[in-house]
């Protein structure tokens, strides 16, 4: 059981990192960026190319993938979101436009790499395993420790940035009321663009770490995590960074433990989403969500 908890925490950290990017954009604009999973996929393939073709070490490849993911976020904001923000039906039109852009990104990935499975070379990351006799003989890999550590550092860094820095205060002001923030001198367009860059960079980091962890890359690898990311931010409470982190770890633990209990991986998603459904019946606004009216 301890081994499953270790695996669940490692998986949950990836879900949480992906969901934090979702919820950051939702908190600022009150919209869902449904191209987020395509950025997740693109970053994974960029990381692979930087390792295999450019010969970069994995840490530098991860930074490069995050940079490309952030740039894709800027493209999404400028091409699919900004032109539609003034329309009265912004939420629906932006969802459709980001879906269209996600299809374009996925088609480009498919055209460049082809419809096949890709893997990192065995030497991309050292295969180091730690045996923890004090915790039931659970085996923890160095890769799991790195994934959890990097995810926590990025999520804590985002939280501190939002609370302490001038940019973070601007993001929180725009999230509270865009019109009032603009009257107070906040550059709303800049804040929104930076929010998309940060959110996409975090989603890209999740994609690259997921690709390294499972070592299976396909052009549609982001589609399954898209639904789980949406489930996580709804479970944690829409717009809550802390809730997204908590929901991500909870979903990862539920998935892994369900396989351990039932012995059937095919039932993993059914059990996980069934439990999430029951939690939301009790807490309709999510674990850390609050009933509130948002400004138009």
C-alpha atoms as a PDB file:
ATOM      1  CA  UNK A   1       0.000   0.000   0.000  1.00  0.00           C
ATOM      2  CA  UNK A   2       2.868   2.391   0.777  1.00  0.00           C
ATOM      3  CA  UNK A   3       4.238   1.749  -2.706  1.00  0.00           C
ATOM      4  CA  UNK A   4       0.899   2.758  -4.210  1.00  0.00           C
ATOM      5  CA  UNK A   5       0.882   5.962  -2.168  1.00  0.00           C
ATOM      6  CA  UNK A   6       4.321   6.820  -3.539  1.00  0.00           C
ATOM      7  CA  UNK A   7       3.159   6.180  -7.105  1.00  0.00           C
ATOM      8  CA  UNK A   8      -0.037   8.151  -6.509  1.00  0.00           C
ATOM      9  CA  UNK A   9       1.829  11.192  -5.214  1.00  0.00           C
ATOM     10  CA  UNK A  10       4.137  11.193  -8.245  1.00  0.00           C
ATOM     11  CA  UNK A  11       1.179  10.899 -10.626  1.00  0.00           C
ATOM     12  CA  UNK A  12      -0.847  13.458  -8.695  1.00  0.00           C
ATOM     13  CA  UNK A  13       1.955  16.015  -8.885  1.00  0.00           C
ATOM     14  CA  UNK A  14       1.744  15.914 -12.699  1.00  0.00           C
ATOM     15  CA  UNK A  15      -2.039  16.285 -12.619  1.00  0.00           C
ATOM     16  CA  UNK A  16      -1.744  19.164 -10.158  1.00  0.00           C
ATOM     17  CA  UNK A  17       0.851  20.990 -12.250  1.00  0.00           C
ATOM     18  CA  UNK A  18      -1.300  20.636 -15.356  1.00  0.00           C
ATOM     19  CA  UNK A  19      -4.442  21.765 -13.527  1.00  0.00           C
ATOM     20  CA  UNK A  20      -2.757  24.815 -12.007  1.00  0.00           C
ATOM     21  CA  UNK A  21      -2.251  26.146 -15.527  1.00  0.00           C
ATOM     22  CA  UNK A  22      -5.931  25.575 -16.258  1.00  0.00           C
ATOM     23  CA  UNK A  23      -7.102  27.326 -13.125  1.00  0.00           C
ATOM     24  CA  UNK A  24      -4.756  30.322 -13.489  1.00  0.00           C
ATOM     25  CA  UNK A  25      -6.338  31.295 -16.804  1.00  0.00           C
ATOM     26  CA  UNK A  26      -9.818  30.588 -15.468  1.00  0.00           C
ATOM     27  CA  UNK A  27      -9.161  32.718 -12.397  1.00  0.00           C
ATOM     28  CA  UNK A  28      -8.055  35.682 -14.517  1.00  0.00           C
ATOM     29  CA  UNK A  29     -10.551  35.546 -17.382  1.00  0.00           C
ATOM     30  CA  UNK A  30     -13.282  33.215 -16.126  1.00  0.00           C
ATOM     31  CA  UNK A  31     -12.837  31.104 -19.272  1.00  0.00           C
ATOM     32  CA  UNK A  32     -11.477  27.644 -19.997  1.00  0.00           C
ATOM     33  CA  UNK A  33      -8.497  27.339 -22.313  1.00  0.00           C
ATOM     34  CA  UNK A  34      -9.332  24.090 -24.080  1.00  0.00           C
ATOM     35  CA  UNK A  35      -6.059  24.183 -26.026  1.00  0.00           C
ATOM     36  CA  UNK A  36      -4.123  23.569 -22.812  1.00  0.00           C
ATOM     37  CA  UNK A  37      -3.799  19.835 -23.471  1.00  0.00           C
ATOM     38  CA  UNK A  38      -2.320  20.492 -26.923  1.00  0.00           C
ATOM     39  CA  UNK A  39       0.384  22.622 -25.284  1.00  0.00           C
ATOM     40  CA  UNK A  40       0.979  19.697 -22.896  1.00  0.00           C
ATOM     41  CA  UNK A  41       1.576  17.419 -25.902  1.00  0.00           C
ATOM     42  CA  UNK A  42       3.674  19.913 -27.844  1.00  0.00           C
ATOM     43  CA  UNK A  43       6.011  20.482 -24.895  1.00  0.00           C
ATOM     44  CA  UNK A  44       6.538  16.747 -24.495  1.00  0.00           C
ATOM     45  CA  UNK A  45       7.620  16.410 -28.132  1.00  0.00           C
ATOM     46  CA  UNK A  46       9.799  19.519 -27.962  1.00  0.00           C
ATOM     47  CA  UNK A  47      11.549  18.063 -24.917  1.00  0.00           C
ATOM     48  CA  UNK A  48      12.063  14.777 -26.779  1.00  0.00           C
ATOM     49  CA  UNK A  49      13.499  16.548 -29.827  1.00  0.00           C
ATOM     50  CA  UNK A  50      15.881  18.639 -27.727  1.00  0.00           C
ATOM     51  CA  UNK A  51      17.181  15.492 -26.025  1.00  0.00           C
ATOM     52  CA  UNK A  52      17.360  13.186 -29.060  1.00  0.00           C
ATOM     53  CA  UNK A  53      18.148  15.540 -31.937  1.00  0.00           C
ATOM     54  CA  UNK A  54      19.870  18.477 -30.262  1.00  0.00           C
ATOM     55  CA  UNK A  55      21.677  16.350 -27.685  1.00  0.00           C
ATOM     56  CA  UNK A  56      20.736  18.609 -24.764  1.00  0.00           C
ATOM     57  CA  UNK A  57      20.663  17.240 -21.217  1.00  0.00           C
ATOM     58  CA  UNK A  58      17.183  16.688 -19.856  1.00  0.00           C
ATOM     59  CA  UNK A  59      17.126  19.725 -17.487  1.00  0.00           C
ATOM     60  CA  UNK A  60      17.927  22.113 -20.353  1.00  0.00           C
ATOM     61  CA  UNK A  61      15.452  20.310 -22.604  1.00  0.00           C
ATOM     62  CA  UNK A  62      12.770  20.760 -19.928  1.00  0.00           C
ATOM     63  CA  UNK A  63      13.461  24.504 -19.750  1.00  0.00           C
ATOM     64  CA  UNK A  64      13.356  24.728 -23.537  1.00  0.00           C
ATOM     65  CA  UNK A  65      10.047  22.869 -23.651  1.00  0.00           C
ATOM     66  CA  UNK A  66       8.595  25.222 -21.031  1.00  0.00           C
ATOM     67  CA  UNK A  67       9.727  28.214 -23.072  1.00  0.00           C
ATOM     68  CA  UNK A  68       8.088  26.862 -26.240  1.00  0.00           C
ATOM     69  CA  UNK A  69       4.922  26.036 -24.270  1.00  0.00           C
ATOM     70  CA  UNK A  70       4.829  29.597 -22.919  1.00  0.00           C
ATOM     71  CA  UNK A  71       5.187  30.953 -26.466  1.00  0.00           C
ATOM     72  CA  UNK A  72       2.275  28.749 -27.574  1.00  0.00           C
ATOM     73  CA  UNK A  73       0.276  30.216 -24.702  1.00  0.00           C
ATOM     74  CA  UNK A  74       0.943  33.703 -26.071  1.00  0.00           C
ATOM     75  CA  UNK A  75      -0.229  32.553 -29.496  1.00  0.00           C
ATOM     76  CA  UNK A  76      -3.425  31.170 -27.957  1.00  0.00           C
ATOM     77  CA  UNK A  77      -4.064  34.432 -26.103  1.00  0.00           C
ATOM     78  CA  UNK A  78      -3.398  36.634 -29.102  1.00  0.00           C
ATOM     79  CA  UNK A  79      -5.104  34.529 -31.794  1.00  0.00           C
ATOM     80  CA  UNK A  80      -7.962  32.750 -30.010  1.00  0.00           C
ATOM     81  CA  UNK A  81      -8.785  34.830 -26.938  1.00  0.00           C
ATOM     82  CA  UNK A  82      -8.006  38.542 -27.289  1.00  0.00           C
ATOM     83  CA  UNK A  83     -10.081  39.137 -30.458  1.00  0.00           C
ATOM     84  CA  UNK A  84     -13.130  37.600 -28.753  1.00  0.00           C
ATOM     85  CA  UNK A  85     -12.907  39.116 -25.261  1.00  0.00           C
ATOM     86  CA  UNK A  86     -15.162  42.060 -26.148  1.00  0.00           C
ATOM     87  CA  UNK A  87     -17.969  39.858 -27.446  1.00  0.00           C
ATOM     88  CA  UNK A  88     -21.004  39.333 -25.195  1.00  0.00           C
ATOM     89  CA  UNK A  89     -20.782  35.514 -25.472  1.00  0.00           C
ATOM     90  CA  UNK A  90     -17.065  35.427 -24.645  1.00  0.00           C
ATOM     91  CA  UNK A  91     -17.101  32.175 -22.665  1.00  0.00           C
ATOM     92  CA  UNK A  92     -18.649  30.063 -25.413  1.00  0.00           C
ATOM     93  CA  UNK A  93     -16.801  31.670 -28.334  1.00  0.00           C
ATOM     94  CA  UNK A  94     -13.410  31.379 -26.619  1.00  0.00           C
ATOM     95  CA  UNK A  95     -14.029  27.722 -25.820  1.00  0.00           C
ATOM     96  CA  UNK A  96     -14.753  27.054 -29.499  1.00  0.00           C
ATOM     97  CA  UNK A  97     -11.743  29.060 -30.696  1.00  0.00           C
ATOM     98  CA  UNK A  98      -9.338  27.321 -28.310  1.00  0.00           C
ATOM     99  CA  UNK A  99     -10.702  23.934 -29.365  1.00  0.00           C
ATOM    100  CA  UNK A 100      -9.973  24.899 -32.972  1.00  0.00           C
ATOM    101  CA  UNK A 101      -6.452  25.999 -32.111  1.00  0.00           C
ATOM    102  CA  UNK A 102      -5.884  22.751 -30.193  1.00  0.00           C
ATOM    103  CA  UNK A 103      -6.837  20.777 -33.304  1.00  0.00           C
ATOM    104  CA  UNK A 104      -4.367  22.838 -35.342  1.00  0.00           C
ATOM    105  CA  UNK A 105      -1.559  22.205 -32.849  1.00  0.00           C
ATOM    106  CA  UNK A 106      -2.292  18.470 -32.723  1.00  0.00           C
ATOM    107  CA  UNK A 107      -2.419  18.274 -36.521  1.00  0.00           C
ATOM    108  CA  UNK A 108       0.955  19.993 -36.769  1.00  0.00           C
ATOM    109  CA  UNK A 109       2.458  17.562 -34.257  1.00  0.00           C
ATOM    110  CA  UNK A 110       0.971  14.643 -36.172  1.00  0.00           C
ATOM    111  CA  UNK A 111       2.302  15.990 -39.462  1.00  0.00           C
ATOM    112  CA  UNK A 112       5.817  16.545 -38.125  1.00  0.00           C
ATOM    113  CA  UNK A 113       6.249  13.388 -36.065  1.00  0.00           C
ATOM    114  CA  UNK A 114       3.750  10.943 -37.554  1.00  0.00           C
ATOM    115  CA  UNK A 115       1.223   8.622 -35.948  1.00  0.00           C
ATOM    116  CA  UNK A 116       3.538   6.437 -33.914  1.00  0.00           C
ATOM    117  CA  UNK A 117       4.812   5.969 -30.389  1.00  0.00           C
ATOM    118  CA  UNK A 118       8.008   7.746 -29.376  1.00  0.00           C
ATOM    119  CA  UNK A 119      10.244   7.134 -26.370  1.00  0.00           C
ATOM    120  CA  UNK A 120      13.149   8.822 -24.654  1.00  0.00           C
ATOM    121  CA  UNK A 121      16.474   6.987 -24.883  1.00  0.00           C
ATOM    122  CA  UNK A 122      17.353   4.888 -21.803  1.00  0.00           C
ATOM    123  CA  UNK A 123      20.213   7.245 -20.978  1.00  0.00           C
ATOM    124  CA  UNK A 124      17.987  10.347 -20.833  1.00  0.00           C
ATOM    125  CA  UNK A 125      17.579  10.022 -17.072  1.00  0.00           C
ATOM    126  CA  UNK A 126      19.551   7.864 -14.607  1.00  0.00           C
ATOM    127  CA  UNK A 127      17.701   4.740 -13.474  1.00  0.00           C
ATOM    128  CA  UNK A 128      18.237   5.101  -9.741  1.00  0.00           C
ATOM    129  CA  UNK A 129      15.962   3.378  -7.217  1.00  0.00           C
ATOM    130  CA  UNK A 130      15.893   3.945  -3.452  1.00  0.00           C
ATOM    131  CA  UNK A 131      14.562   1.173  -1.199  1.00  0.00           C
ATOM    132  CA  UNK A 132      12.844   2.525   1.920  1.00  0.00           C
ATOM    133  CA  UNK A 133      12.789  -0.291   4.437  1.00  0.00           C
ATOM    134  CA  UNK A 134      11.270   1.990   7.063  1.00  0.00           C
ATOM    135  CA  UNK A 135       8.110   2.369   4.953  1.00  0.00           C
ATOM    136  CA  UNK A 136       7.146  -1.174   4.135  1.00  0.00           C
ATOM    137  CA  UNK A 137       9.922  -1.703   1.602  1.00  0.00           C
ATOM    138  CA  UNK A 138       8.509   0.840  -0.854  1.00  0.00           C
ATOM    139  CA  UNK A 139      10.738   1.623  -3.825  1.00  0.00           C
ATOM    140  CA  UNK A 140      11.120   5.266  -4.803  1.00  0.00           C
ATOM    141  CA  UNK A 141      12.873   6.183  -8.011  1.00  0.00           C
ATOM    142  CA  UNK A 142      15.009   9.256  -8.444  1.00  0.00           C
ATOM    143  CA  UNK A 143      12.717  10.262 -11.294  1.00  0.00           C
ATOM    144  CA  UNK A 144       9.681  10.233  -8.980  1.00  0.00           C
ATOM    145  CA  UNK A 145      11.495  12.388  -6.441  1.00  0.00           C
ATOM    146  CA  UNK A 146      12.531  14.858  -9.127  1.00  0.00           C
ATOM    147  CA  UNK A 147       9.014  15.051 -10.582  1.00  0.00           C
ATOM    148  CA  UNK A 148       7.412  15.691  -7.197  1.00  0.00           C
ATOM    149  CA  UNK A 149      10.113  18.187  -6.189  1.00  0.00           C
ATOM    150  CA  UNK A 150       9.943  20.158  -9.445  1.00  0.00           C
ATOM    151  CA  UNK A 151       6.154  20.217  -9.392  1.00  0.00           C
ATOM    152  CA  UNK A 152       6.066  21.478  -5.807  1.00  0.00           C
ATOM    153  CA  UNK A 153       8.726  24.117  -6.494  1.00  0.00           C
ATOM    154  CA  UNK A 154       6.810  25.438  -9.519  1.00  0.00           C
ATOM    155  CA  UNK A 155       3.462  25.491  -7.711  1.00  0.00           C
ATOM    156  CA  UNK A 156       4.896  27.120  -4.584  1.00  0.00           C
ATOM    157  CA  UNK A 157       6.761  29.619  -6.767  1.00  0.00           C
ATOM    158  CA  UNK A 158       3.527  30.522  -8.558  1.00  0.00           C
ATOM    159  CA  UNK A 159       1.721  30.979  -5.242  1.00  0.00           C
ATOM    160  CA  UNK A 160       4.455  33.263  -3.888  1.00  0.00           C
ATOM    161  CA  UNK A 161       4.527  35.226  -7.128  1.00  0.00           C
ATOM    162  CA  UNK A 162       0.783  35.842  -6.946  1.00  0.00           C
ATOM    163  CA  UNK A 163       0.967  36.954  -3.325  1.00  0.00           C
ATOM    164  CA  UNK A 164       4.182  38.986  -3.209  1.00  0.00           C
ATOM    165  CA  UNK A 165       5.161  40.450  -6.576  1.00  0.00           C
ATOM    166  CA  UNK A 166       3.702  43.453  -8.357  1.00  0.00           C
ATOM    167  CA  UNK A 167       2.810  41.223 -11.302  1.00  0.00           C
ATOM    168  CA  UNK A 168       1.015  38.814  -8.990  1.00  0.00           C
ATOM    169  CA  UNK A 169      -0.984  41.623  -7.453  1.00  0.00           C
ATOM    170  CA  UNK A 170      -1.898  42.788 -10.938  1.00  0.00           C
ATOM    171  CA  UNK A 171      -3.061  39.272 -11.845  1.00  0.00           C
ATOM    172  CA  UNK A 172      -5.190  39.085  -8.705  1.00  0.00           C
ATOM    173  CA  UNK A 173      -6.630  42.514  -9.396  1.00  0.00           C
ATOM    174  CA  UNK A 174      -7.621  41.574 -12.943  1.00  0.00           C
ATOM    175  CA  UNK A 175      -9.099  38.306 -11.661  1.00  0.00           C
ATOM    176  CA  UNK A 176     -11.183  40.228  -9.145  1.00  0.00           C
ATOM    177  CA  UNK A 177     -12.474  42.894 -11.539  1.00  0.00           C
ATOM    178  CA  UNK A 178     -10.904  43.675 -14.911  1.00  0.00           C
ATOM    179  CA  UNK A 179     -12.670  47.009 -15.281  1.00  0.00           C
ATOM    180  CA  UNK A 180     -11.665  48.303 -11.858  1.00  0.00           C
ATOM    181  CA  UNK A 181      -8.090  47.080 -12.383  1.00  0.00           C
ATOM    182  CA  UNK A 182      -7.878  49.006 -15.673  1.00  0.00           C
ATOM    183  CA  UNK A 183      -9.152  52.171 -13.983  1.00  0.00           C
ATOM    184  CA  UNK A 184      -6.403  51.792 -11.369  1.00  0.00           C
ATOM    185  CA  UNK A 185      -3.726  51.688 -14.063  1.00  0.00           C
ATOM    186  CA  UNK A 186      -3.218  47.944 -14.484  1.00  0.00           C
ATOM    187  CA  UNK A 187      -2.326  46.932 -18.055  1.00  0.00           C
ATOM    188  CA  UNK A 188      -5.007  44.272 -18.440  1.00  0.00           C
ATOM    189  CA  UNK A 189      -3.793  43.007 -21.837  1.00  0.00           C
ATOM    190  CA  UNK A 190      -0.268  42.527 -20.481  1.00  0.00           C
ATOM    191  CA  UNK A 191      -1.524  40.744 -17.373  1.00  0.00           C
ATOM    192  CA  UNK A 192      -3.680  38.395 -19.439  1.00  0.00           C
ATOM    193  CA  UNK A 193      -0.809  37.636 -21.838  1.00  0.00           C
ATOM    194  CA  UNK A 194       1.603  36.938 -18.977  1.00  0.00           C
ATOM    195  CA  UNK A 195      -1.001  34.708 -17.317  1.00  0.00           C
ATOM    196  CA  UNK A 196      -1.313  32.648 -20.491  1.00  0.00           C
ATOM    197  CA  UNK A 197       2.476  32.405 -20.765  1.00  0.00           C
ATOM    198  CA  UNK A 198       2.870  31.175 -17.177  1.00  0.00           C
ATOM    199  CA  UNK A 199      -0.104  28.805 -17.364  1.00  0.00           C
ATOM    200  CA  UNK A 200       1.116  27.260 -20.620  1.00  0.00           C
ATOM    201  CA  UNK A 201       4.686  26.964 -19.336  1.00  0.00           C
ATOM    202  CA  UNK A 202       3.391  25.023 -16.325  1.00  0.00           C
ATOM    203  CA  UNK A 203       1.255  22.844 -18.589  1.00  0.00           C
ATOM    204  CA  UNK A 204       4.293  22.279 -20.783  1.00  0.00           C
ATOM    205  CA  UNK A 205       6.354  21.251 -17.761  1.00  0.00           C
ATOM    206  CA  UNK A 206       3.627  18.759 -16.852  1.00  0.00           C
ATOM    207  CA  UNK A 207       3.707  17.359 -20.386  1.00  0.00           C
ATOM    208  CA  UNK A 208       7.478  16.955 -20.442  1.00  0.00           C
ATOM    209  CA  UNK A 209       7.581  15.380 -16.970  1.00  0.00           C
ATOM    210  CA  UNK A 210       4.729  13.036 -17.865  1.00  0.00           C
ATOM    211  CA  UNK A 211       6.528  11.979 -21.050  1.00  0.00           C
ATOM    212  CA  UNK A 212       9.719  11.233 -19.139  1.00  0.00           C
ATOM    213  CA  UNK A 213       7.847   9.413 -16.358  1.00  0.00           C
ATOM    214  CA  UNK A 214       5.834   7.086 -18.606  1.00  0.00           C
ATOM    215  CA  UNK A 215       8.198   7.224 -21.605  1.00  0.00           C
ATOM    216  CA  UNK A 216       5.339   7.000 -24.076  1.00  0.00           C
ATOM    217  CA  UNK A 217       4.690   9.917 -26.426  1.00  0.00           C
ATOM    218  CA  UNK A 218       1.875  10.024 -28.972  1.00  0.00           C
ATOM    219  CA  UNK A 219       0.351  12.987 -30.833  1.00  0.00           C
ATOM    220  CA  UNK A 220      -2.907  12.609 -28.869  1.00  0.00           C
ATOM    221  CA  UNK A 221      -1.371  12.030 -25.424  1.00  0.00           C
ATOM    222  CA  UNK A 222      -2.892  15.231 -24.047  1.00  0.00           C
ATOM    223  CA  UNK A 223      -6.524  14.298 -24.597  1.00  0.00           C
ATOM    224  CA  UNK A 224      -6.872  12.009 -21.596  1.00  0.00           C
ATOM    225  CA  UNK A 225      -5.175  14.453 -19.261  1.00  0.00           C
ATOM    226  CA  UNK A 226      -7.441  17.256 -20.504  1.00  0.00           C
ATOM    227  CA  UNK A 227     -10.520  15.648 -18.946  1.00  0.00           C
ATOM    228  CA  UNK A 228      -8.609  14.893 -15.766  1.00  0.00           C
ATOM    229  CA  UNK A 229      -7.362  18.463 -15.550  1.00  0.00           C
ATOM    230  CA  UNK A 230     -10.921  19.757 -15.872  1.00  0.00           C
ATOM    231  CA  UNK A 231     -12.074  17.296 -13.218  1.00  0.00           C
ATOM    232  CA  UNK A 232      -9.274  18.430 -10.905  1.00  0.00           C
ATOM    233  CA  UNK A 233     -10.061  22.146 -11.092  1.00  0.00           C
ATOM    234  CA  UNK A 234     -13.770  21.472 -10.581  1.00  0.00           C
ATOM    235  CA  UNK A 235     -13.003  19.199  -7.641  1.00  0.00           C
ATOM    236  CA  UNK A 236     -10.620  21.683  -6.052  1.00  0.00           C
ATOM    237  CA  UNK A 237     -12.861  24.683  -6.687  1.00  0.00           C
ATOM    238  CA  UNK A 238     -12.886  26.731  -9.874  1.00  0.00           C
ATOM    239  CA  UNK A 239     -10.222  29.429  -9.741  1.00  0.00           C
ATOM    240  CA  UNK A 240      -8.497  28.099  -6.618  1.00  0.00           C
ATOM    241  CA  UNK A 241      -4.769  27.395  -7.084  1.00  0.00           C
ATOM    242  CA  UNK A 242      -4.582  25.530  -3.780  1.00  0.00           C
ATOM    243  CA  UNK A 243      -7.704  23.574  -4.698  1.00  0.00           C
ATOM    244  CA  UNK A 244      -6.164  22.551  -8.041  1.00  0.00           C
ATOM    245  CA  UNK A 245      -3.069  21.256  -6.255  1.00  0.00           C
ATOM    246  CA  UNK A 246      -5.148  19.360  -3.697  1.00  0.00           C
ATOM    247  CA  UNK A 247      -7.450  17.961  -6.383  1.00  0.00           C
ATOM    248  CA  UNK A 248      -4.526  16.819  -8.534  1.00  0.00           C
ATOM    249  CA  UNK A 249      -2.902  14.856  -5.739  1.00  0.00           C
ATOM    250  CA  UNK A 250      -6.267  13.413  -4.724  1.00  0.00           C
ATOM    251  CA  UNK A 251      -7.051  12.219  -8.249  1.00  0.00           C
ATOM    252  CA  UNK A 252      -3.608  10.646  -8.625  1.00  0.00           C
ATOM    253  CA  UNK A 253      -3.971   8.776  -5.337  1.00  0.00           C
ATOM    254  CA  UNK A 254      -7.488   7.597  -6.160  1.00  0.00           C
ATOM    255  CA  UNK A 255      -6.396   6.274  -9.565  1.00  0.00           C
ATOM    256  CA  UNK A 256      -3.408   4.344  -8.243  1.00  0.00           C
ATOM    257  CA  UNK A 257      -5.185   2.969  -5.188  1.00  0.00           C
ATOM    258  CA  UNK A 258      -8.167   1.856  -7.262  1.00  0.00           C
ATOM    259  CA  UNK A 259      -5.853  -0.300  -9.385  1.00  0.00           C
ATOM    260  CA  UNK A 260      -4.207  -1.717  -6.251  1.00  0.00           C
ATOM    261  CA  UNK A 261      -7.559  -2.600  -4.686  1.00  0.00           C
ATOM    262  CA  UNK A 262      -9.375  -3.978  -7.733  1.00  0.00           C
ATOM    263  CA  UNK A 263      -6.378  -5.343  -9.624  1.00  0.00           C
ATOM    264  CA  UNK A 264      -7.875  -4.023 -12.873  1.00  0.00           C
ATOM    265  CA  UNK A 265      -6.447  -0.971 -14.577  1.00  0.00           C
ATOM    266  CA  UNK A 266      -9.446  -0.814 -16.901  1.00  0.00           C
ATOM    267  CA  UNK A 267     -11.637   0.287 -13.976  1.00  0.00           C
ATOM    268  CA  UNK A 268      -9.293   3.053 -12.854  1.00  0.00           C
ATOM    269  CA  UNK A 269     -10.998   5.983 -14.563  1.00  0.00           C
ATOM    270  CA  UNK A 270     -14.497   4.720 -13.733  1.00  0.00           C
ATOM    271  CA  UNK A 271     -13.696   4.483 -10.027  1.00  0.00           C
ATOM    272  CA  UNK A 272     -11.778   7.766  -9.917  1.00  0.00           C
ATOM    273  CA  UNK A 273     -14.449   9.811 -11.670  1.00  0.00           C
ATOM    274  CA  UNK A 274     -17.200   8.042  -9.719  1.00  0.00           C
ATOM    275  CA  UNK A 275     -15.619   9.106  -6.432  1.00  0.00           C
ATOM    276  CA  UNK A 276     -15.092  12.629  -7.746  1.00  0.00           C
ATOM    277  CA  UNK A 277     -18.754  12.745  -8.674  1.00  0.00           C
ATOM    278  CA  UNK A 278     -19.764  11.729  -5.157  1.00  0.00           C
ATOM    279  CA  UNK A 279     -17.479  14.359  -3.637  1.00  0.00           C
ATOM    280  CA  UNK A 280     -19.035  17.051  -5.806  1.00  0.00           C
ATOM    281  CA  UNK A 281     -22.516  15.948  -4.794  1.00  0.00           C
ATOM    282  CA  UNK A 282     -21.542  16.778  -1.220  1.00  0.00           C
ATOM    283  CA  UNK A 283     -19.407  19.819  -2.129  1.00  0.00           C
ATOM    284  CA  UNK A 284     -20.898  21.300  -5.343  1.00  0.00           C
ATOM    285  CA  UNK A 285     -18.429  24.194  -5.337  1.00  0.00           C
ATOM    286  CA  UNK A 286     -15.398  21.956  -4.890  1.00  0.00           C
ATOM    287  CA  UNK A 287     -13.195  21.245  -1.911  1.00  0.00           C
ATOM    288  CA  UNK A 288     -11.951  24.840  -1.573  1.00  0.00           C
ATOM    289  CA  UNK A 289     -14.446  26.628  -3.799  1.00  0.00           C
ATOM    290  CA  UNK A 290     -16.873  29.263  -2.589  1.00  0.00           C
ATOM    291  CA  UNK A 291     -20.204  30.431  -3.864  1.00  0.00           C
ATOM    292  CA  UNK A 292     -19.643  33.820  -5.394  1.00  0.00           C
ATOM    293  CA  UNK A 293     -20.836  36.158  -8.111  1.00  0.00           C
ATOM    294  CA  UNK A 294     -18.231  37.178 -10.648  1.00  0.00           C
ATOM    295  CA  UNK A 295     -18.130  40.557 -12.336  1.00  0.00           C
ATOM    296  CA  UNK A 296     -19.286  40.678 -15.935  1.00  0.00           C
END
